[in-house]
Amino acid sequence: MSRKLDVSQENCFYLCVPLWFNPTAKNAENSGIDVYSQEKFMRSKSLFCLLLTVLVLAAIGCGDKVAVRGKVTFSDDHSPLTVGQIRFQSGTVQARGTLKSDGTYVLGTVKEKDGVPKGTYNVTIVDAMELVAKETKGGAPAIPVITPLIDPFEKKDVVVDGKQKTFDFEVERIK
C-alpha cells in the first residue's frame, strides 16, 4: 500500500521534489510518486551532499595553507644557490619550490605557489647541479659533465605554523 503525498501547507517542502522525478507533473498529487520514495530520495541526496562536502574540505585542507617563501644561499660567501629544488616533506604531504636565479623560492603542494598546510616538515634541497665542460686529453672537444654544487642538505623538524612565513637556508658548497 502506498501513501500519497498530502499537499497541505505542512508538506510544502515536498512539492518541488516530484518535479525532479517527473518534470511534466503540474503538482505533487498527479506526479505518481509516493511519500516514502520521496523521503528515501531526499535522504540519499542529503547524504551524498554531506559526503561531497567532507571530501572537498579534506582535499583543500580547509584553507589552512600558509604561503611559504625564502632564500637559499651558500654559507661561505652568502651568494644565492641559483639552481635546484627545495622540498618540504611530512608524511604524504610534499611541498616543493624551484630555486630562481636570485636563490628565492615559493612553495606549493598541488599547484605552484599554492602554499603549504600547517605542520612539521623535513626540508631537503635537490637537483642543485651545474653542467661543466671537462677537459679531455688529446685536444678532443670538452665533454659536458653534470656536477653537484652542494653537499646533501636536509633539515628536520621545520615547523610551519603560519606565524613564520619566510624560511631561509644556508648550504655548504662542494669544494
N, C-alpha and C. Protein backbone atom coordinates (compact mmCIF):
# COMPACT_ATOMS: atom_id res chain seq x y z
N MET A 1 0.84 -1.17 0.00
CA MET A 1 0.00 0.00 0.00
C MET A 1 0.89 1.24 0.00
N SER A 2 0.65 2.14 -0.91
CA SER A 2 1.46 3.35 -0.95
C SER A 2 0.64 4.51 -0.43
N ARG A 3 1.30 5.39 0.29
CA ARG A 3 0.65 6.55 0.86
C ARG A 3 0.94 7.74 -0.05
N LYS A 4 -0.08 8.42 -0.52
CA LYS A 4 0.09 9.59 -1.39
C LYS A 4 0.48 10.80 -0.57
N LEU A 5 1.16 11.71 -1.20
CA LEU A 5 1.63 12.92 -0.55
C LEU A 5 0.47 13.84 -0.24
N ASP A 6 0.46 14.32 0.98
CA ASP A 6 -0.54 15.28 1.41
C ASP A 6 -0.07 16.66 0.98
N VAL A 7 -0.88 17.38 0.21
CA VAL A 7 -0.48 18.67 -0.33
C VAL A 7 -0.93 19.80 0.60
N SER A 8 -0.80 19.59 1.87
CA SER A 8 -1.15 20.64 2.83
C SER A 8 0.05 21.56 3.03
N GLN A 9 -0.16 22.62 3.75
CA GLN A 9 0.90 23.60 3.96
C GLN A 9 2.08 23.00 4.73
N GLU A 10 1.83 22.03 5.61
CA GLU A 10 2.91 21.42 6.39
C GLU A 10 3.88 20.66 5.50
N ASN A 11 3.41 20.17 4.37
CA ASN A 11 4.25 19.37 3.49
C ASN A 11 4.69 20.12 2.23
N CYS A 12 4.71 21.43 2.28
CA CYS A 12 5.05 22.20 1.09
C CYS A 12 6.50 21.95 0.66
N PHE A 13 7.34 21.47 1.58
CA PHE A 13 8.73 21.15 1.24
C PHE A 13 8.80 20.12 0.13
N TYR A 14 7.89 19.19 0.12
CA TYR A 14 7.92 18.10 -0.84
C TYR A 14 7.28 18.45 -2.19
N LEU A 15 6.72 19.63 -2.32
CA LEU A 15 6.03 19.96 -3.56
C LEU A 15 6.98 20.04 -4.76
N CYS A 16 8.22 20.45 -4.55
CA CYS A 16 9.13 20.56 -5.68
C CYS A 16 9.79 19.22 -6.02
N VAL A 17 9.84 18.29 -5.09
CA VAL A 17 10.51 17.01 -5.32
C VAL A 17 9.89 16.23 -6.48
N PRO A 18 8.56 16.13 -6.60
CA PRO A 18 8.01 15.36 -7.73
C PRO A 18 8.41 15.94 -9.08
N LEU A 19 8.67 17.22 -9.13
CA LEU A 19 9.08 17.82 -10.40
C LEU A 19 10.46 17.32 -10.82
N TRP A 20 11.31 16.92 -9.86
CA TRP A 20 12.60 16.34 -10.20
C TRP A 20 12.42 14.98 -10.82
N PHE A 21 11.43 14.23 -10.31
CA PHE A 21 11.17 12.90 -10.84
C PHE A 21 10.40 12.97 -12.16
N ASN A 22 9.45 13.88 -12.25
CA ASN A 22 8.56 13.96 -13.39
C ASN A 22 8.36 15.44 -13.75
N PRO A 23 9.18 15.99 -14.65
CA PRO A 23 9.09 17.41 -14.95
C PRO A 23 7.77 17.83 -15.58
N THR A 24 6.99 16.89 -16.09
CA THR A 24 5.71 17.26 -16.69
C THR A 24 4.60 17.34 -15.66
N ALA A 25 4.86 16.92 -14.44
CA ALA A 25 3.83 16.95 -13.40
C ALA A 25 3.50 18.40 -13.04
N LYS A 26 2.24 18.70 -12.93
CA LYS A 26 1.80 20.05 -12.58
C LYS A 26 1.83 20.27 -11.07
N ASN A 27 1.61 19.22 -10.31
CA ASN A 27 1.66 19.34 -8.86
C ASN A 27 1.97 17.97 -8.26
N ALA A 28 2.09 17.93 -6.95
CA ALA A 28 2.50 16.70 -6.28
C ALA A 28 1.45 15.60 -6.38
N GLU A 29 0.17 15.96 -6.48
CA GLU A 29 -0.89 14.94 -6.47
C GLU A 29 -0.88 14.08 -7.73
N ASN A 30 -0.58 14.65 -8.91
CA ASN A 30 -0.63 13.84 -10.12
C ASN A 30 0.74 13.35 -10.57
N SER A 31 1.76 13.46 -9.68
CA SER A 31 3.10 13.02 -10.07
C SER A 31 3.25 11.52 -9.97
N GLY A 32 2.46 10.85 -9.16
CA GLY A 32 2.55 9.41 -9.02
C GLY A 32 3.69 8.95 -8.12
N ILE A 33 4.32 9.83 -7.41
CA ILE A 33 5.42 9.47 -6.51
C ILE A 33 4.88 9.44 -5.09
N ASP A 34 5.13 8.34 -4.40
CA ASP A 34 4.65 8.26 -3.02
C ASP A 34 5.65 8.88 -2.05
N VAL A 35 5.18 9.15 -0.84
CA VAL A 35 5.96 9.86 0.16
C VAL A 35 7.24 9.10 0.51
N TYR A 36 7.16 7.79 0.63
CA TYR A 36 8.33 7.01 1.03
C TYR A 36 9.44 7.11 -0.01
N SER A 37 9.12 7.10 -1.28
CA SER A 37 10.14 7.25 -2.32
C SER A 37 10.78 8.62 -2.26
N GLN A 38 9.96 9.64 -2.01
CA GLN A 38 10.50 10.99 -1.91
C GLN A 38 11.41 11.14 -0.71
N GLU A 39 11.02 10.59 0.42
CA GLU A 39 11.85 10.68 1.62
C GLU A 39 13.17 9.94 1.42
N LYS A 40 13.11 8.78 0.78
CA LYS A 40 14.32 8.00 0.52
C LYS A 40 15.25 8.78 -0.41
N PHE A 41 14.68 9.40 -1.44
CA PHE A 41 15.45 10.20 -2.38
C PHE A 41 16.11 11.37 -1.66
N MET A 42 15.38 12.07 -0.81
CA MET A 42 15.92 13.22 -0.10
C MET A 42 17.03 12.80 0.87
N ARG A 43 16.86 11.66 1.55
CA ARG A 43 17.89 11.16 2.47
C ARG A 43 19.16 10.84 1.70
N SER A 44 19.04 10.14 0.57
CA SER A 44 20.23 9.77 -0.19
C SER A 44 20.89 11.01 -0.80
N LYS A 45 20.09 11.99 -1.22
CA LYS A 45 20.64 13.22 -1.76
C LYS A 45 21.38 14.00 -0.67
N SER A 46 20.81 14.06 0.52
CA SER A 46 21.45 14.76 1.64
C SER A 46 22.75 14.08 2.03
N LEU A 47 22.75 12.77 2.07
CA LEU A 47 23.96 12.02 2.41
C LEU A 47 25.05 12.25 1.36
N PHE A 48 24.66 12.24 0.09
CA PHE A 48 25.62 12.49 -0.99
C PHE A 48 26.22 13.89 -0.86
N CYS A 49 25.40 14.90 -0.59
CA CYS A 49 25.90 16.27 -0.45
C CYS A 49 26.84 16.40 0.75
N LEU A 50 26.51 15.74 1.85
CA LEU A 50 27.37 15.76 3.03
C LEU A 50 28.72 15.11 2.72
N LEU A 51 28.69 13.97 2.08
CA LEU A 51 29.92 13.26 1.72
C LEU A 51 30.77 14.09 0.76
N LEU A 52 30.15 14.70 -0.21
CA LEU A 52 30.87 15.54 -1.17
C LEU A 52 31.52 16.73 -0.47
N THR A 53 30.82 17.34 0.47
CA THR A 53 31.36 18.48 1.22
C THR A 53 32.57 18.06 2.04
N VAL A 54 32.49 16.93 2.71
CA VAL A 54 33.61 16.43 3.52
C VAL A 54 34.82 16.16 2.63
N LEU A 55 34.61 15.54 1.48
CA LEU A 55 35.72 15.25 0.58
C LEU A 55 36.38 16.51 0.03
N VAL A 56 35.58 17.49 -0.32
CA VAL A 56 36.13 18.75 -0.84
C VAL A 56 36.93 19.46 0.23
N LEU A 57 36.41 19.52 1.46
CA LEU A 57 37.14 20.17 2.54
C LEU A 57 38.43 19.44 2.86
N ALA A 58 38.41 18.12 2.80
CA ALA A 58 39.63 17.35 3.05
C ALA A 58 40.65 17.58 1.95
N ALA A 59 40.19 17.69 0.72
CA ALA A 59 41.10 17.88 -0.42
C ALA A 59 41.79 19.23 -0.38
N ILE A 60 41.09 20.26 0.05
CA ILE A 60 41.71 21.58 0.07
C ILE A 60 42.33 21.90 1.41
N GLY A 61 42.21 21.00 2.36
CA GLY A 61 42.85 21.22 3.66
C GLY A 61 42.16 22.29 4.48
N CYS A 62 40.90 22.53 4.21
CA CYS A 62 40.09 23.51 4.93
C CYS A 62 40.69 24.90 4.91
N GLY A 63 41.49 25.19 3.89
CA GLY A 63 42.04 26.52 3.74
C GLY A 63 43.15 26.85 4.73
N ASP A 64 43.75 25.86 5.34
CA ASP A 64 44.79 26.07 6.35
C ASP A 64 46.19 26.09 5.74
N LYS A 65 46.34 26.62 4.56
CA LYS A 65 47.65 26.66 3.93
C LYS A 65 48.34 27.98 4.21
N VAL A 66 49.67 27.89 4.31
CA VAL A 66 50.49 29.06 4.59
C VAL A 66 51.37 29.32 3.37
N ALA A 67 51.42 30.57 2.94
CA ALA A 67 52.29 30.95 1.82
C ALA A 67 53.73 31.00 2.34
N VAL A 68 54.53 29.98 1.97
CA VAL A 68 55.90 29.88 2.45
C VAL A 68 56.86 30.27 1.33
N ARG A 69 57.82 31.11 1.67
CA ARG A 69 58.84 31.54 0.72
C ARG A 69 60.15 31.67 1.47
N GLY A 70 61.21 31.86 0.72
CA GLY A 70 62.50 32.03 1.37
C GLY A 70 63.62 32.14 0.36
N LYS A 71 64.85 31.99 0.87
CA LYS A 71 66.03 32.13 0.03
C LYS A 71 67.06 31.11 0.48
N VAL A 72 67.78 30.54 -0.49
CA VAL A 72 68.84 29.59 -0.21
C VAL A 72 70.16 30.21 -0.67
N THR A 73 71.13 30.28 0.26
CA THR A 73 72.43 30.88 -0.04
C THR A 73 73.55 29.95 0.39
N PHE A 74 74.73 30.20 -0.15
CA PHE A 74 75.92 29.46 0.27
C PHE A 74 76.42 30.07 1.58
N SER A 75 76.89 29.20 2.47
CA SER A 75 77.32 29.67 3.79
C SER A 75 78.65 30.42 3.74
N ASP A 76 79.50 30.15 2.75
CA ASP A 76 80.82 30.78 2.71
C ASP A 76 80.79 32.24 2.28
N ASP A 77 80.03 32.56 1.24
CA ASP A 77 80.01 33.95 0.76
C ASP A 77 78.60 34.55 0.65
N HIS A 78 77.62 33.81 1.08
CA HIS A 78 76.21 34.25 1.08
C HIS A 78 75.67 34.57 -0.31
N SER A 79 76.30 34.03 -1.34
CA SER A 79 75.76 34.18 -2.69
C SER A 79 74.60 33.19 -2.86
N PRO A 80 73.65 33.49 -3.74
CA PRO A 80 72.47 32.62 -3.87
C PRO A 80 72.77 31.31 -4.60
N LEU A 81 72.09 30.25 -4.16
CA LEU A 81 72.08 28.99 -4.91
C LEU A 81 71.03 29.20 -6.00
N THR A 82 71.45 29.13 -7.25
CA THR A 82 70.58 29.55 -8.35
C THR A 82 69.89 28.42 -9.08
N VAL A 83 70.22 27.18 -8.76
CA VAL A 83 69.56 26.04 -9.40
C VAL A 83 69.18 25.02 -8.34
N GLY A 84 68.15 24.25 -8.64
CA GLY A 84 67.73 23.19 -7.73
C GLY A 84 66.28 23.34 -7.33
N GLN A 85 65.90 22.48 -6.41
CA GLN A 85 64.53 22.47 -5.92
C GLN A 85 64.56 22.23 -4.42
N ILE A 86 63.70 22.95 -3.69
CA ILE A 86 63.58 22.75 -2.26
C ILE A 86 62.28 22.01 -2.00
N ARG A 87 62.33 21.04 -1.07
CA ARG A 87 61.15 20.21 -0.77
C ARG A 87 60.90 20.19 0.73
N PHE A 88 59.65 20.38 1.09
CA PHE A 88 59.19 20.24 2.47
C PHE A 88 58.35 18.96 2.49
N GLN A 89 58.76 17.95 3.25
CA GLN A 89 58.09 16.64 3.25
C GLN A 89 57.60 16.31 4.66
N SER A 90 56.33 15.88 4.74
CA SER A 90 55.76 15.44 6.01
C SER A 90 54.72 14.37 5.72
N GLY A 91 55.06 13.12 5.99
CA GLY A 91 54.12 12.03 5.70
C GLY A 91 53.81 11.99 4.22
N THR A 92 52.54 12.15 3.88
CA THR A 92 52.15 12.11 2.47
C THR A 92 52.13 13.49 1.82
N VAL A 93 52.37 14.54 2.59
CA VAL A 93 52.35 15.90 2.04
C VAL A 93 53.76 16.27 1.60
N GLN A 94 53.87 16.72 0.36
CA GLN A 94 55.15 17.21 -0.14
C GLN A 94 54.92 18.54 -0.85
N ALA A 95 55.56 19.57 -0.32
CA ALA A 95 55.52 20.88 -0.97
C ALA A 95 56.89 21.10 -1.61
N ARG A 96 56.90 21.77 -2.74
CA ARG A 96 58.17 21.99 -3.43
C ARG A 96 58.17 23.37 -4.10
N GLY A 97 59.39 23.84 -4.29
CA GLY A 97 59.57 25.12 -4.96
C GLY A 97 60.87 25.09 -5.74
N THR A 98 60.88 25.72 -6.89
CA THR A 98 62.07 25.78 -7.73
C THR A 98 62.87 27.02 -7.36
N LEU A 99 64.17 26.84 -7.20
CA LEU A 99 65.04 27.98 -6.88
C LEU A 99 65.20 28.86 -8.12
N LYS A 100 65.08 30.16 -7.92
CA LYS A 100 65.23 31.12 -9.02
C LYS A 100 66.66 31.63 -9.06
N SER A 101 66.96 32.46 -10.03
CA SER A 101 68.33 32.95 -10.23
C SER A 101 68.84 33.78 -9.05
N ASP A 102 67.95 34.30 -8.22
CA ASP A 102 68.39 35.05 -7.04
C ASP A 102 68.36 34.21 -5.77
N GLY A 103 68.10 32.89 -5.91
CA GLY A 103 68.09 31.97 -4.78
C GLY A 103 66.76 31.89 -4.05
N THR A 104 65.75 32.62 -4.49
CA THR A 104 64.46 32.61 -3.80
C THR A 104 63.58 31.47 -4.30
N TYR A 105 62.58 31.14 -3.49
CA TYR A 105 61.62 30.10 -3.84
C TYR A 105 60.27 30.43 -3.20
N VAL A 106 59.21 29.87 -3.74
CA VAL A 106 57.87 29.92 -3.16
C VAL A 106 57.34 28.49 -3.25
N LEU A 107 56.82 27.98 -2.13
CA LEU A 107 56.37 26.58 -2.09
C LEU A 107 54.94 26.40 -2.57
N GLY A 108 54.69 25.22 -3.11
CA GLY A 108 53.35 24.81 -3.50
C GLY A 108 53.19 23.32 -3.31
N THR A 109 51.95 22.88 -3.09
CA THR A 109 51.69 21.45 -2.93
C THR A 109 51.04 20.89 -4.19
N VAL A 110 49.84 21.35 -4.50
CA VAL A 110 49.13 20.86 -5.68
C VAL A 110 49.53 21.68 -6.90
N LYS A 111 49.46 23.01 -6.74
CA LYS A 111 49.85 23.92 -7.81
C LYS A 111 51.05 24.72 -7.33
N GLU A 112 51.76 25.30 -8.29
CA GLU A 112 52.90 26.13 -7.94
C GLU A 112 52.43 27.32 -7.11
N LYS A 113 53.08 27.56 -6.00
CA LYS A 113 52.83 28.73 -5.14
C LYS A 113 51.48 28.69 -4.43
N ASP A 114 50.87 27.52 -4.25
CA ASP A 114 49.56 27.48 -3.58
C ASP A 114 49.66 27.33 -2.06
N GLY A 115 50.86 27.30 -1.52
CA GLY A 115 51.03 27.26 -0.07
C GLY A 115 51.26 25.86 0.47
N VAL A 116 51.40 25.81 1.79
CA VAL A 116 51.74 24.58 2.50
C VAL A 116 50.80 24.42 3.69
N PRO A 117 50.25 23.22 3.90
CA PRO A 117 49.46 23.00 5.12
C PRO A 117 50.33 23.16 6.36
N LYS A 118 49.74 23.63 7.44
CA LYS A 118 50.48 23.77 8.69
C LYS A 118 50.96 22.40 9.14
N GLY A 119 52.17 22.35 9.71
CA GLY A 119 52.71 21.09 10.19
C GLY A 119 54.21 21.15 10.37
N THR A 120 54.79 19.99 10.65
CA THR A 120 56.24 19.87 10.84
C THR A 120 56.81 19.12 9.65
N TYR A 121 57.90 19.65 9.07
CA TYR A 121 58.44 19.13 7.82
C TYR A 121 59.93 18.83 7.92
N ASN A 122 60.37 17.91 7.08
CA ASN A 122 61.79 17.71 6.82
C ASN A 122 62.08 18.43 5.50
N VAL A 123 63.12 19.23 5.48
CA VAL A 123 63.45 20.04 4.31
C VAL A 123 64.68 19.46 3.62
N THR A 124 64.59 19.29 2.31
CA THR A 124 65.75 18.86 1.51
C THR A 124 65.89 19.78 0.31
N ILE A 125 67.12 19.91 -0.16
CA ILE A 125 67.38 20.65 -1.39
C ILE A 125 68.00 19.65 -2.36
N VAL A 126 67.39 19.52 -3.53
CA VAL A 126 67.82 18.52 -4.51
C VAL A 126 68.05 19.18 -5.87
N ASP A 127 68.67 18.41 -6.74
CA ASP A 127 68.91 18.83 -8.13
C ASP A 127 69.74 20.10 -8.25
N ALA A 128 70.59 20.37 -7.25
CA ALA A 128 71.46 21.55 -7.32
C ALA A 128 72.74 21.14 -8.03
N MET A 129 72.66 21.15 -9.35
CA MET A 129 73.78 20.71 -10.18
C MET A 129 74.00 21.69 -11.31
N GLU A 130 75.21 21.68 -11.82
CA GLU A 130 75.50 22.53 -12.97
C GLU A 130 76.20 21.69 -14.04
N LEU A 131 76.12 22.16 -15.25
CA LEU A 131 76.76 21.50 -16.38
C LEU A 131 78.14 22.13 -16.57
N VAL A 132 79.18 21.32 -16.43
CA VAL A 132 80.55 21.81 -16.51
C VAL A 132 81.24 21.09 -17.67
N ALA A 133 82.02 21.84 -18.45
CA ALA A 133 82.77 21.23 -19.55
C ALA A 133 84.09 20.70 -19.00
N LYS A 134 84.28 19.39 -19.06
CA LYS A 134 85.51 18.74 -18.59
C LYS A 134 86.52 18.70 -19.73
N GLU A 135 87.72 19.03 -19.40
CA GLU A 135 88.80 18.98 -20.39
C GLU A 135 89.08 17.51 -20.75
N THR A 136 89.40 17.28 -21.99
CA THR A 136 89.73 15.93 -22.44
C THR A 136 91.19 15.89 -22.90
N LYS A 137 91.72 14.71 -23.01
CA LYS A 137 93.12 14.55 -23.45
C LYS A 137 93.18 14.53 -24.98
N GLY A 138 94.25 14.98 -25.50
CA GLY A 138 94.47 14.88 -26.94
C GLY A 138 93.75 15.93 -27.76
N GLY A 139 93.27 17.02 -27.17
CA GLY A 139 92.65 18.09 -27.93
C GLY A 139 91.22 17.81 -28.39
N ALA A 140 90.60 16.74 -27.90
CA ALA A 140 89.21 16.44 -28.26
C ALA A 140 88.30 17.49 -27.62
N PRO A 141 87.07 17.65 -28.17
CA PRO A 141 86.15 18.63 -27.58
C PRO A 141 85.84 18.30 -26.12
N ALA A 142 85.55 19.34 -25.37
CA ALA A 142 85.21 19.17 -23.95
C ALA A 142 83.92 18.37 -23.82
N ILE A 143 83.86 17.54 -22.78
CA ILE A 143 82.67 16.72 -22.52
C ILE A 143 81.87 17.39 -21.41
N PRO A 144 80.57 17.64 -21.65
CA PRO A 144 79.77 18.23 -20.57
C PRO A 144 79.51 17.19 -19.47
N VAL A 145 79.71 17.60 -18.24
CA VAL A 145 79.51 16.73 -17.08
C VAL A 145 78.62 17.45 -16.09
N ILE A 146 77.65 16.72 -15.55
CA ILE A 146 76.78 17.30 -14.53
C ILE A 146 77.48 17.16 -13.18
N THR A 147 77.68 18.28 -12.51
CA THR A 147 78.42 18.31 -11.26
C THR A 147 77.54 18.87 -10.14
N PRO A 148 77.49 18.18 -8.98
CA PRO A 148 76.71 18.73 -7.86
C PRO A 148 77.36 19.99 -7.31
N LEU A 149 76.54 20.93 -6.88
CA LEU A 149 77.04 22.19 -6.34
C LEU A 149 77.13 22.19 -4.81
N ILE A 150 76.30 21.38 -4.17
CA ILE A 150 76.24 21.41 -2.70
C ILE A 150 76.35 20.01 -2.13
N ASP A 151 76.74 19.97 -0.87
CA ASP A 151 76.67 18.72 -0.12
C ASP A 151 75.20 18.42 0.13
N PRO A 152 74.86 17.14 0.35
CA PRO A 152 73.46 16.83 0.63
C PRO A 152 72.92 17.69 1.78
N PHE A 153 71.76 18.28 1.58
CA PHE A 153 71.18 19.18 2.58
C PHE A 153 69.86 18.60 3.07
N GLU A 154 69.75 18.49 4.39
CA GLU A 154 68.48 18.09 5.00
C GLU A 154 68.38 18.74 6.36
N LYS A 155 67.23 19.31 6.63
CA LYS A 155 66.96 19.89 7.95
C LYS A 155 65.64 19.31 8.44
N LYS A 156 65.66 18.74 9.62
CA LYS A 156 64.47 18.08 10.16
C LYS A 156 63.70 19.02 11.09
N ASP A 157 62.41 18.72 11.23
CA ASP A 157 61.53 19.38 12.19
C ASP A 157 61.40 20.89 11.98
N VAL A 158 61.19 21.30 10.74
CA VAL A 158 60.90 22.69 10.43
C VAL A 158 59.39 22.87 10.60
N VAL A 159 58.99 23.77 11.47
CA VAL A 159 57.57 23.95 11.81
C VAL A 159 56.98 25.09 10.99
N VAL A 160 55.92 24.77 10.25
CA VAL A 160 55.14 25.77 9.51
C VAL A 160 53.84 25.94 10.29
N ASP A 161 53.71 27.09 10.97
CA ASP A 161 52.54 27.32 11.81
C ASP A 161 51.75 28.57 11.42
N GLY A 162 52.21 29.28 10.42
CA GLY A 162 51.53 30.49 9.99
C GLY A 162 52.13 31.75 10.59
N LYS A 163 52.86 31.63 11.70
CA LYS A 163 53.49 32.80 12.30
C LYS A 163 54.72 33.21 11.51
N GLN A 164 55.55 32.23 11.16
CA GLN A 164 56.73 32.49 10.34
C GLN A 164 56.42 32.01 8.92
N LYS A 165 56.59 32.88 7.94
CA LYS A 165 56.28 32.54 6.56
C LYS A 165 57.50 32.54 5.65
N THR A 166 58.63 33.02 6.17
CA THR A 166 59.87 33.07 5.39
C THR A 166 60.88 32.13 6.03
N PHE A 167 61.41 31.22 5.22
CA PHE A 167 62.39 30.25 5.70
C PHE A 167 63.62 30.34 4.80
N ASP A 168 64.72 30.88 5.34
CA ASP A 168 65.97 30.98 4.60
C ASP A 168 66.91 29.87 5.07
N PHE A 169 67.68 29.33 4.13
CA PHE A 169 68.60 28.23 4.45
C PHE A 169 69.97 28.53 3.86
N GLU A 170 71.00 28.09 4.58
CA GLU A 170 72.37 28.19 4.09
C GLU A 170 72.87 26.78 3.81
N VAL A 171 73.56 26.61 2.68
CA VAL A 171 74.08 25.30 2.27
C VAL A 171 75.59 25.38 2.12
N GLU A 172 76.24 24.21 2.25
CA GLU A 172 77.69 24.12 2.10
C GLU A 172 78.02 23.85 0.63
N ARG A 173 78.92 24.64 0.10
CA ARG A 173 79.37 24.48 -1.28
C ARG A 173 80.37 23.33 -1.36
N ILE A 174 80.29 22.52 -2.40
CA ILE A 174 81.28 21.47 -2.61
C ILE A 174 82.55 22.14 -3.14
N LYS A 175 83.65 21.83 -2.50
CA LYS A 175 84.92 22.48 -2.90
C LYS A 175 85.74 21.58 -3.76
